[in-house]
Amino acid sequence: MSDANEGAAPEKKLSEAAKRALAEAEERRRKADEALAAHPRPREINGPKGAAAGAEPTRYGDWEVKGIVSDF
């Protein structure tokens, strides 16, 4: 005999403020998606190619161009 919710986390009760915050966040995400669809970002010209294009360099605090790394 198996319960359909077996192993699932129990549903939490949210306060009214938490529900409002989640609704506001969803509305902001929806508006941002609509704005991006209406005005897509331009493609980067002369940006990093190949493997260097995968990771965002500012995330790690440095840039690498032609084997030279610069911190900022």
Protein backbone atom coordinates (compact mmCIF):
# COMPACT_ATOMS: atom_id res chain seq x y z
CA MET A 1 0.00 0.00 0.00
CA SER A 2 1.55 3.29 -1.13
CA ASP A 3 0.52 6.85 -0.38
CA ALA A 4 0.69 9.30 -3.32
CA ASN A 5 2.39 11.97 -1.17
CA GLU A 6 4.87 9.58 0.41
CA GLY A 7 8.29 11.21 0.71
CA ALA A 8 6.97 14.65 -0.26
CA ALA A 9 7.46 17.58 2.09
CA PRO A 10 4.33 18.54 4.01
CA GLU A 11 2.56 21.64 2.71
CA LYS A 12 3.48 24.75 4.70
CA LYS A 13 0.98 27.37 5.76
CA LEU A 14 1.91 30.77 4.37
CA SER A 15 1.04 34.05 6.00
CA GLU A 16 -0.92 36.64 4.04
CA ALA A 17 2.24 38.77 3.75
CA ALA A 18 4.15 35.81 2.29
CA LYS A 19 1.35 35.13 -0.21
CA ARG A 20 1.36 38.82 -1.25
CA ALA A 21 5.15 38.78 -1.64
CA LEU A 22 5.01 35.66 -3.83
CA ALA A 23 2.26 37.18 -5.97
CA GLU A 24 4.24 40.43 -6.37
CA ALA A 25 7.39 38.51 -7.33
CA GLU A 26 5.47 36.49 -9.92
CA GLU A 27 4.02 39.71 -11.36
CA ARG A 28 7.53 41.26 -11.60
CA ARG A 29 8.83 38.13 -13.35
CA ARG A 30 5.91 38.18 -15.79
CA LYS A 31 6.47 41.88 -16.61
CA ALA A 32 10.21 41.31 -17.06
CA ASP A 33 9.52 38.39 -19.44
CA GLU A 34 7.06 40.51 -21.43
CA ALA A 35 9.53 43.41 -21.64
CA LEU A 36 12.30 41.08 -22.82
CA ALA A 37 9.99 39.56 -25.44
CA ALA A 38 9.00 43.03 -26.68
CA HIS A 39 12.59 44.36 -26.74
CA PRO A 40 15.10 41.49 -26.97
CA ARG A 41 18.67 42.19 -25.93
CA PRO A 42 21.13 42.83 -28.76
CA ARG A 43 23.69 40.15 -29.58
CA GLU A 44 27.18 40.71 -28.25
CA ILE A 45 29.75 41.65 -30.87
CA ASN A 46 33.33 40.39 -30.45
CA GLY A 47 32.47 38.62 -27.21
CA PRO A 48 34.28 35.54 -25.88
CA LYS A 49 34.19 32.49 -28.15
CA GLY A 50 34.34 28.77 -27.44
CA ALA A 51 34.87 27.45 -23.91
CA ALA A 52 35.40 30.96 -22.52
CA ALA A 53 31.84 31.86 -23.49
CA GLY A 54 30.37 29.38 -20.99
CA ALA A 55 31.20 30.87 -17.60
CA GLU A 56 30.45 34.48 -16.72
CA PRO A 57 33.83 36.06 -15.94
CA THR A 58 32.44 38.67 -13.56
CA ARG A 59 31.10 35.87 -11.38
CA TYR A 60 34.66 34.90 -10.51
CA GLY A 61 35.98 38.47 -10.35
CA ASP A 62 38.46 38.25 -13.24
CA TRP A 63 38.63 38.32 -17.02
CA GLU A 64 40.82 36.21 -19.29
CA VAL A 65 41.69 37.39 -22.78
CA LYS A 66 44.28 35.56 -24.90
CA GLY A 67 45.70 33.86 -21.82
CA ILE A 68 46.12 37.08 -19.82
CA VAL A 69 44.02 37.33 -16.66
CA SER A 70 43.14 40.66 -15.09
CA ASP A 71 41.46 41.08 -11.72
CA PHE A 72 39.38 44.05 -10.92
